[in-house]
Amino acid sequence: MSKFLLAACLVGFVLGAGGCGGGQNGTSDTIVLGHLASMTGDTATFGTSCDEGVRLALEQINADGGVLGKQVVVITEDDRSVTSEARTAANKLITRDRVVALIGEIASSRSIAAAPVAQAAKIPMLSPGSTNPKVTEEGDYIFRSCFIDPFQGTAMATFAMENLGLRRFAILYANNSDYSVGLRDFFKEAVLANGGEIVAEESYAEKADKDFKAQLTKIKETNPEAIYACGYYTEVGLIARQARELGITVPLLGGDGWDSDVTVQSGGQAVEGAYFTNHYAPDQDRPEVQKFVADYKARYNGKVPDAMAILGYDAMRLMADAIERAGSTDGAAIRDALAATQGFPGASGTITMDEHRNANKPAVVVQIRNGKFEYVTEVAPK
């Protein structure tokens, strides 16, 4: 039994669950949900931050009386940041723990791997942060509560061209990442549609490559006005440092995969001034954001929440709301309630599900200033 499952069992016992059974086989006073997350491995900050957001929301929900008059238990299963393990983890939560619904994953490749398992079992799955369009294409039980990459890639291209006045771009992407390849495609499409130019496209292997100087040297020769590095935080700091070592001084641009303290820790001064699209910024003056930040800091010893934390928080609250509206823990009923979501007041923005089970919600552009992620502007969905 993993430490995460053990912790969930103890919570379940305290709340009267008496064990780790879930779904239709759970006890009469509990509802058991599964959280699929990268609690360890290369992208562990995604999973741990999301889990902290989920559990903050869970505590608030249970303190307010739970869902359908029952307390809610969440079992977190670690996929170790490995795509194949995401499928295994989802299967464990469904067959072993009998959860009535799944929250997760953050990374698109892992959500794409887990989605067929949930769809086959007719268990609703809600991804807090997977932005690749393929995630929800698996079937009608698969949802997400975040924006998707066509919007995110277009938002960054539009910002760079209209706000920064840039026209010539190079792209550096991970060729073995659904997330990175998707962002490359949508950013490129938006730049070309608006009269801009892609002067270079270079790729690397996520997790395997640590030296990017060959690709960056080729990019430098094309004289771009900015580089769109559309991978995860695991590489972006190294990319930034190596770019600056080669004398590349143009702005660096990215997507929400940059959102981790590791970006600043590994990139240092090399990432100062860079821009990336994200789901929120902790210094936004929206009351919903400021309440969430205050609650999170109070719960986690003053820690400033990243975007994955607020996404986990919103996903947990939305799933609880959907079960309440469904009036049942039946999978089909929860699916129908999620699909009918209109104007849900998320801390990261108002959430409405479209016909493809994707959330229609705004994005923000943030800039790295003095080692912090600071709000620049909000981009509304069309």
Protein backbone atom coordinates (compact mmCIF):
# COMPACT_ATOMS: atom_id res chain seq x y z
CA MET A 1 0.00 0.00 0.00
CA SER A 2 1.44 3.37 -1.00
CA LYS A 3 1.83 6.10 1.57
CA PHE A 4 -0.77 8.15 -0.32
CA LEU A 5 -3.32 5.33 -0.20
CA LEU A 6 -2.52 4.68 3.45
CA ALA A 7 -3.12 8.34 4.26
CA ALA A 8 -6.42 8.24 2.41
CA CYS A 9 -7.47 5.14 4.31
CA LEU A 10 -6.72 6.83 7.62
CA VAL A 11 -8.76 9.85 6.57
CA GLY A 12 -11.56 7.56 5.50
CA PHE A 13 -11.47 5.79 8.87
CA VAL A 14 -11.60 9.06 10.80
CA LEU A 15 -14.56 10.20 8.72
CA GLY A 16 -16.35 6.91 9.26
CA ALA A 17 -15.36 5.24 6.04
CA GLY A 18 -13.95 2.26 7.84
CA GLY A 19 -11.73 1.34 4.88
CA CYS A 20 -10.75 2.16 1.33
CA GLY A 21 -13.71 0.80 -0.57
CA GLY A 22 -15.30 3.32 -2.94
CA GLY A 23 -17.90 3.77 -5.62
CA GLN A 24 -21.12 1.85 -5.24
CA ASN A 25 -19.37 -0.45 -2.75
CA GLY A 26 -18.35 2.34 -0.36
CA THR A 27 -19.92 2.93 3.02
CA SER A 28 -23.22 4.73 3.37
CA ASP A 29 -21.68 7.96 4.66
CA THR A 30 -18.71 8.44 2.28
CA ILE A 31 -18.08 9.16 -1.40
CA VAL A 32 -14.69 8.01 -2.68
CA LEU A 33 -12.87 9.83 -5.48
CA GLY A 34 -9.50 9.06 -7.08
CA HIS A 35 -6.71 11.51 -7.82
CA LEU A 36 -4.21 10.48 -10.49
CA ALA A 37 -1.01 12.49 -10.01
CA SER A 38 2.78 12.70 -10.45
CA MET A 39 3.66 12.78 -6.77
CA THR A 40 7.23 11.73 -7.56
CA GLY A 41 9.45 11.79 -10.66
CA ASP A 42 10.48 14.47 -13.13
CA THR A 43 7.30 16.58 -12.87
CA ALA A 44 6.56 15.97 -9.20
CA THR A 45 5.77 19.64 -8.55
CA PHE A 46 2.76 19.29 -10.86
CA GLY A 47 1.33 16.41 -8.85
CA THR A 48 2.13 17.64 -5.37
CA SER A 49 0.80 21.16 -6.04
CA CYS A 50 -2.37 19.80 -7.61
CA ASP A 51 -2.88 17.41 -4.70
CA GLU A 52 -2.50 20.24 -2.22
CA GLY A 53 -5.17 22.19 -4.08
CA VAL A 54 -7.45 19.16 -4.19
CA ARG A 55 -7.09 18.59 -0.46
CA LEU A 56 -7.66 22.22 0.44
CA ALA A 57 -10.93 22.10 -1.48
CA LEU A 58 -11.76 18.70 0.05
CA GLU A 59 -11.35 20.04 3.59
CA GLN A 60 -13.62 23.00 2.82
CA ILE A 61 -16.24 20.81 1.15
CA ASN A 62 -16.36 18.34 4.04
CA ALA A 63 -16.43 21.16 6.60
CA ASP A 64 -19.51 22.51 4.79
CA GLY A 65 -21.33 19.20 5.04
CA GLY A 66 -19.80 17.19 2.23
CA VAL A 67 -21.64 16.09 -0.91
CA LEU A 68 -25.14 14.60 -0.92
CA GLY A 69 -24.95 14.64 2.87
CA LYS A 70 -21.84 12.44 2.86
CA GLN A 71 -18.18 13.06 3.58
CA VAL A 72 -15.82 12.82 0.60
CA VAL A 73 -12.58 10.78 0.63
CA VAL A 74 -9.87 11.25 -2.03
CA ILE A 75 -7.32 8.52 -2.72
CA THR A 76 -4.21 9.79 -4.52
CA GLU A 77 -2.31 7.31 -6.70
CA ASP A 78 1.24 8.23 -7.77
CA ASP A 79 2.09 7.60 -11.44
CA ARG A 80 5.73 8.64 -10.84
CA SER A 81 5.64 11.06 -13.82
CA VAL A 82 5.65 8.04 -16.18
CA THR A 83 3.11 7.84 -19.01
CA SER A 84 2.63 4.07 -18.83
CA GLU A 85 2.20 4.25 -15.06
CA ALA A 86 -0.69 6.69 -15.47
CA ARG A 87 -2.71 3.94 -17.14
CA THR A 88 -1.84 1.51 -14.35
CA ALA A 89 -2.66 4.05 -11.64
CA ALA A 90 -6.07 4.80 -13.16
CA ASN A 91 -6.84 1.09 -13.35
CA LYS A 92 -5.90 0.61 -9.68
CA LEU A 93 -8.14 3.44 -8.54
CA ILE A 94 -11.08 2.11 -10.54
CA THR A 95 -10.79 -1.65 -9.96
CA ARG A 96 -9.13 -1.81 -6.54
CA ASP A 97 -10.53 1.27 -4.83
CA ARG A 98 -13.87 1.46 -6.68
CA VAL A 99 -13.80 5.25 -6.98
CA VAL A 100 -16.87 6.93 -8.47
CA ALA A 101 -14.82 9.50 -10.43
CA LEU A 102 -11.23 10.46 -11.21
CA ILE A 103 -9.43 13.81 -10.97
CA GLY A 104 -6.22 14.03 -13.03
CA GLU A 105 -3.75 14.05 -14.63
CA ILE A 106 -1.97 17.38 -15.11
CA ALA A 107 0.37 16.29 -17.94
CA SER A 108 -1.39 15.75 -21.27
CA SER A 109 0.51 12.60 -22.25
CA ARG A 110 -0.45 10.91 -19.00
CA SER A 111 -4.09 11.97 -19.24
CA ILE A 112 -4.20 10.61 -22.78
CA ALA A 113 -2.83 7.31 -21.44
CA ALA A 114 -5.32 7.09 -18.57
CA ALA A 115 -8.42 8.26 -20.44
CA PRO A 116 -9.20 4.94 -22.22
CA VAL A 117 -9.24 3.16 -18.85
CA ALA A 118 -11.79 5.59 -17.41
CA GLN A 119 -13.86 5.60 -20.59
CA ALA A 120 -14.04 1.79 -20.74
CA ALA A 121 -15.13 1.64 -17.09
CA LYS A 122 -17.63 4.50 -17.56
CA ILE A 123 -15.99 6.42 -14.72
CA PRO A 124 -15.95 10.23 -15.22
CA MET A 125 -12.43 11.65 -15.41
CA LEU A 126 -11.76 15.38 -14.98
CA SER A 127 -8.27 16.66 -15.81
CA PRO A 128 -7.35 19.83 -13.93
CA GLY A 129 -4.56 20.90 -16.26
CA SER A 130 -4.04 18.80 -19.41
CA THR A 131 -4.27 21.24 -22.30
CA ASN A 132 -3.70 19.03 -25.37
CA PRO A 133 -6.96 18.68 -27.37
CA LYS A 134 -6.53 14.88 -27.66
CA VAL A 135 -7.31 14.38 -23.96
CA THR A 136 -11.10 14.64 -24.22
CA GLU A 137 -11.30 12.99 -27.64
CA GLU A 138 -11.21 9.54 -26.01
CA GLY A 139 -14.89 9.63 -25.12
CA ASP A 140 -17.84 11.18 -23.38
CA TYR A 141 -16.64 10.40 -19.84
CA ILE A 142 -13.46 12.47 -20.21
CA PHE A 143 -13.48 16.17 -19.23
CA ARG A 144 -11.08 18.97 -18.40
CA SER A 145 -11.51 22.12 -16.30
CA CYS A 146 -8.73 24.13 -17.99
CA PHE A 147 -8.32 25.86 -21.35
CA ILE A 148 -6.81 23.97 -24.29
CA ASP A 149 -3.65 24.49 -26.35
CA PRO A 150 -5.25 25.97 -29.48
CA PHE A 151 -6.36 28.87 -27.26
CA GLN A 152 -3.13 29.00 -25.24
CA GLY A 153 -0.84 28.91 -28.29
CA THR A 154 -2.91 31.56 -30.05
CA ALA A 155 -2.97 33.73 -26.91
CA MET A 156 0.84 33.81 -26.69
CA ALA A 157 1.25 34.47 -30.42
CA THR A 158 -1.25 37.32 -30.26
CA PHE A 159 0.37 38.83 -27.15
CA ALA A 160 3.87 38.62 -28.62
CA MET A 161 2.84 40.23 -31.90
CA GLU A 162 0.38 42.85 -30.64
CA ASN A 163 1.81 43.76 -27.22
CA LEU A 164 5.52 43.18 -27.81
CA GLY A 165 5.58 44.07 -31.50
CA LEU A 166 7.47 40.92 -32.52
CA ARG A 167 7.25 39.27 -35.97
CA ARG A 168 10.06 36.69 -36.33
CA PHE A 169 10.00 33.64 -34.08
CA ALA A 170 11.98 30.45 -33.51
CA ILE A 171 10.40 27.42 -31.85
CA LEU A 172 12.15 24.88 -29.61
CA TYR A 173 9.93 21.94 -28.63
CA ALA A 174 10.02 18.39 -27.21
CA ASN A 175 9.26 15.97 -30.01
CA ASN A 176 8.16 13.20 -27.63
CA SER A 177 5.61 15.29 -25.73
CA ASP A 178 1.98 15.62 -26.87
CA TYR A 179 1.79 18.87 -24.94
CA SER A 180 4.87 20.43 -26.50
CA VAL A 181 4.13 19.32 -30.07
CA GLY A 182 0.57 20.64 -29.78
CA LEU A 183 1.69 24.04 -28.52
CA ARG A 184 4.24 24.27 -31.32
CA ASP A 185 1.54 23.64 -33.92
CA PHE A 186 -0.98 26.12 -32.54
CA PHE A 187 1.54 28.89 -31.88
CA LYS A 188 2.98 28.48 -35.38
CA GLU A 189 -0.48 28.52 -36.97
CA ALA A 190 -1.43 31.73 -35.15
CA VAL A 191 1.83 33.50 -36.01
CA LEU A 192 1.52 32.69 -39.71
CA ALA A 193 -2.17 33.62 -39.78
CA ASN A 194 -1.29 37.06 -38.44
CA GLY A 195 1.48 37.73 -40.93
CA GLY A 196 4.42 36.69 -38.76
CA GLU A 197 7.29 34.37 -39.63
CA ILE A 198 8.67 31.17 -38.13
CA VAL A 199 12.38 31.33 -38.94
CA ALA A 200 13.45 28.11 -37.20
CA GLU A 201 12.00 24.95 -35.62
CA GLU A 202 14.28 22.75 -33.53
CA SER A 203 13.39 19.79 -31.34
CA TYR A 204 14.78 17.72 -28.45
CA ALA A 205 13.82 14.61 -26.49
CA GLU A 206 12.08 15.39 -23.21
CA LYS A 207 13.78 13.81 -20.16
CA ALA A 208 16.66 12.48 -22.30
CA ASP A 209 18.31 15.67 -23.54
CA LYS A 210 20.17 18.10 -21.29
CA ASP A 211 22.40 19.81 -23.84
CA PHE A 212 20.50 22.12 -26.19
CA LYS A 213 23.40 24.13 -27.59
CA ALA A 214 23.32 22.51 -31.03
CA GLN A 215 19.67 23.45 -31.50
CA LEU A 216 20.18 26.91 -30.03
CA THR A 217 23.17 27.57 -32.27
CA LYS A 218 21.03 26.84 -35.34
CA ILE A 219 18.30 29.09 -33.96
CA LYS A 220 20.76 31.93 -33.34
CA GLU A 221 21.85 31.82 -36.99
CA THR A 222 18.28 32.66 -38.12
CA ASN A 223 18.18 35.87 -36.07
CA PRO A 224 14.73 35.50 -34.45
CA GLU A 225 13.11 38.24 -32.37
CA ALA A 226 11.95 35.70 -29.76
CA ILE A 227 12.14 31.98 -28.99
CA TYR A 228 9.01 30.00 -28.11
CA ALA A 229 10.25 27.20 -25.81
CA CYS A 230 7.07 25.19 -25.38
CA GLY A 231 8.18 22.41 -23.02
CA TYR A 232 7.99 21.78 -19.28
CA TYR A 233 9.89 23.39 -16.43
CA THR A 234 12.17 20.37 -16.35
CA GLU A 235 14.05 21.70 -19.39
CA VAL A 236 13.26 25.40 -19.72
CA GLY A 237 15.77 26.59 -17.13
CA LEU A 238 18.59 24.73 -18.85
CA ILE A 239 17.46 26.00 -22.25
CA ALA A 240 17.46 29.59 -20.99
CA ARG A 241 20.92 29.36 -19.41
CA GLN A 242 22.44 27.76 -22.50
CA ALA A 243 20.78 30.33 -24.78
CA ARG A 244 22.29 33.20 -22.79
CA GLU A 245 25.70 31.49 -22.74
CA LEU A 246 25.58 31.47 -26.55
CA GLY A 247 24.86 35.20 -26.60
CA ILE A 248 21.15 34.89 -27.43
CA THR A 249 19.47 37.88 -25.82
CA VAL A 250 15.99 37.85 -27.39
CA PRO A 251 12.89 37.26 -25.20
CA LEU A 252 11.93 33.71 -24.25
CA LEU A 253 8.26 32.72 -24.46
CA GLY A 254 6.47 29.65 -23.15
CA GLY A 255 3.32 27.95 -21.98
CA ASP A 256 1.81 26.84 -18.68
CA GLY A 257 4.30 23.96 -18.43
CA TRP A 258 6.78 26.56 -17.17
CA ASP A 259 4.82 27.08 -13.96
CA SER A 260 7.10 25.77 -11.23
CA ASP A 261 9.64 27.25 -8.84
CA VAL A 262 12.13 25.00 -10.61
CA THR A 263 11.98 27.28 -13.67
CA VAL A 264 13.48 30.12 -11.65
CA GLN A 265 15.75 27.91 -9.55
CA SER A 266 17.37 26.30 -12.59
CA GLY A 267 17.18 29.30 -14.92
CA GLY A 268 18.19 32.09 -12.57
CA GLN A 269 18.90 35.37 -14.32
CA ALA A 270 18.57 33.65 -17.70
CA VAL A 271 14.76 33.49 -17.37
CA GLU A 272 14.34 37.06 -16.11
CA GLY A 273 11.94 38.97 -18.35
CA ALA A 274 10.52 35.83 -20.01
CA TYR A 275 6.78 35.54 -20.65
CA PHE A 276 4.48 32.54 -20.51
CA THR A 277 0.77 31.82 -20.66
CA ASN A 278 -0.81 30.43 -17.52
CA HIS A 279 -4.07 29.67 -15.76
CA TYR A 280 -3.71 32.38 -13.12
CA ALA A 281 -1.23 34.66 -11.39
CA PRO A 282 -1.07 34.94 -7.59
CA ASP A 283 -0.99 38.75 -7.77
CA GLN A 284 -4.22 39.06 -9.78
CA ASP A 285 -6.60 41.41 -7.98
CA ARG A 286 -9.72 39.27 -8.52
CA PRO A 287 -11.37 38.55 -5.13
CA GLU A 288 -11.66 34.83 -5.94
CA VAL A 289 -7.93 34.60 -6.57
CA GLN A 290 -6.99 36.50 -3.44
CA LYS A 291 -9.26 34.36 -1.24
CA PHE A 292 -7.77 31.18 -2.66
CA VAL A 293 -4.20 32.45 -2.17
CA ALA A 294 -4.96 33.44 1.43
CA ASP A 295 -6.62 30.09 2.23
CA TYR A 296 -3.77 28.16 0.62
CA LYS A 297 -1.09 30.12 2.47
CA ALA A 298 -2.92 29.55 5.75
CA ARG A 299 -3.13 25.80 5.07
CA TYR A 300 0.42 25.30 3.74
CA ASN A 301 2.61 27.46 6.00
CA GLY A 302 2.72 30.58 3.86
CA LYS A 303 3.54 28.82 0.59
CA VAL A 304 2.48 30.74 -2.53
CA PRO A 305 0.29 28.51 -4.71
CA ASP A 306 1.25 27.85 -8.31
CA ALA A 307 -1.23 27.31 -11.14
CA MET A 308 -1.41 23.55 -10.61
CA ALA A 309 -2.61 24.14 -7.06
CA ILE A 310 -5.48 26.39 -8.10
CA LEU A 311 -6.37 24.00 -10.93
CA GLY A 312 -6.56 21.10 -8.49
CA TYR A 313 -8.67 23.20 -6.16
CA ASP A 314 -11.12 24.12 -8.92
CA ALA A 315 -11.30 20.56 -10.26
CA MET A 316 -12.16 19.16 -6.83
CA ARG A 317 -14.84 21.78 -6.26
CA LEU A 318 -16.28 21.28 -9.74
CA MET A 319 -16.42 17.49 -9.32
CA ALA A 320 -18.17 17.88 -5.96
CA ASP A 321 -20.61 20.34 -7.50
CA ALA A 322 -21.33 17.96 -10.38
CA ILE A 323 -22.05 15.03 -8.03
CA GLU A 324 -24.35 17.26 -5.99
CA ARG A 325 -26.20 18.36 -9.12
CA ALA A 326 -26.38 14.77 -10.34
CA GLY A 327 -27.99 13.74 -7.06
CA SER A 328 -26.14 10.44 -7.42
CA THR A 329 -22.73 8.78 -7.58
CA ASP A 330 -23.71 6.92 -10.74
CA GLY A 331 -21.08 7.44 -13.45
CA ALA A 332 -23.52 8.39 -16.19
CA ALA A 333 -25.30 10.88 -13.93
CA ILE A 334 -22.01 12.55 -12.94
CA ARG A 335 -20.96 12.65 -16.60
CA ASP A 336 -24.20 14.38 -17.58
CA ALA A 337 -23.85 16.92 -14.76
CA LEU A 338 -20.26 17.75 -15.73
CA ALA A 339 -21.31 18.17 -19.35
CA ALA A 340 -24.06 20.57 -18.29
CA THR A 341 -21.69 22.86 -16.33
CA GLN A 342 -22.40 26.51 -17.09
CA GLY A 343 -20.81 29.48 -15.34
CA PHE A 344 -19.18 27.54 -12.50
CA PRO A 345 -17.40 30.12 -10.29
CA GLY A 346 -13.87 28.72 -10.24
CA ALA A 347 -11.11 30.50 -8.36
CA SER A 348 -9.07 30.50 -11.57
CA GLY A 349 -11.97 31.79 -13.65
CA THR A 350 -15.55 31.02 -14.60
CA ILE A 351 -15.87 27.54 -16.12
CA THR A 352 -18.36 26.53 -18.81
CA MET A 353 -18.11 23.16 -20.56
CA ASP A 354 -18.34 23.22 -24.35
CA GLU A 355 -19.71 20.41 -26.53
CA HIS A 356 -16.30 18.70 -26.53
CA ARG A 357 -16.13 18.63 -22.70
CA ASN A 358 -13.44 21.32 -22.61
CA ALA A 359 -13.62 24.30 -20.27
CA ASN A 360 -14.18 27.68 -21.86
CA LYS A 361 -12.24 30.04 -19.56
CA PRO A 362 -9.63 32.84 -19.72
CA ALA A 363 -5.85 32.63 -19.72
CA VAL A 364 -3.32 35.05 -18.30
CA VAL A 365 0.14 36.11 -19.48
CA VAL A 366 2.74 36.33 -16.73
CA GLN A 367 6.31 37.62 -16.74
CA ILE A 368 9.22 36.49 -14.61
CA ARG A 369 10.41 39.53 -12.67
CA ASN A 370 12.88 39.38 -9.79
CA GLY A 371 12.39 35.63 -9.59
CA LYS A 372 8.60 35.85 -9.30
CA PHE A 373 5.73 35.22 -11.69
CA GLU A 374 3.86 38.51 -12.12
CA TYR A 375 0.57 39.19 -13.84
CA VAL A 376 0.73 41.05 -17.15
CA THR A 377 -2.66 40.69 -18.80
CA GLU A 378 -5.70 38.44 -19.16
CA VAL A 379 -6.79 36.91 -22.46
CA ALA A 380 -10.51 36.19 -22.70
CA PRO A 381 -11.78 33.16 -24.65
CA LYS A 382 -13.62 33.87 -27.88
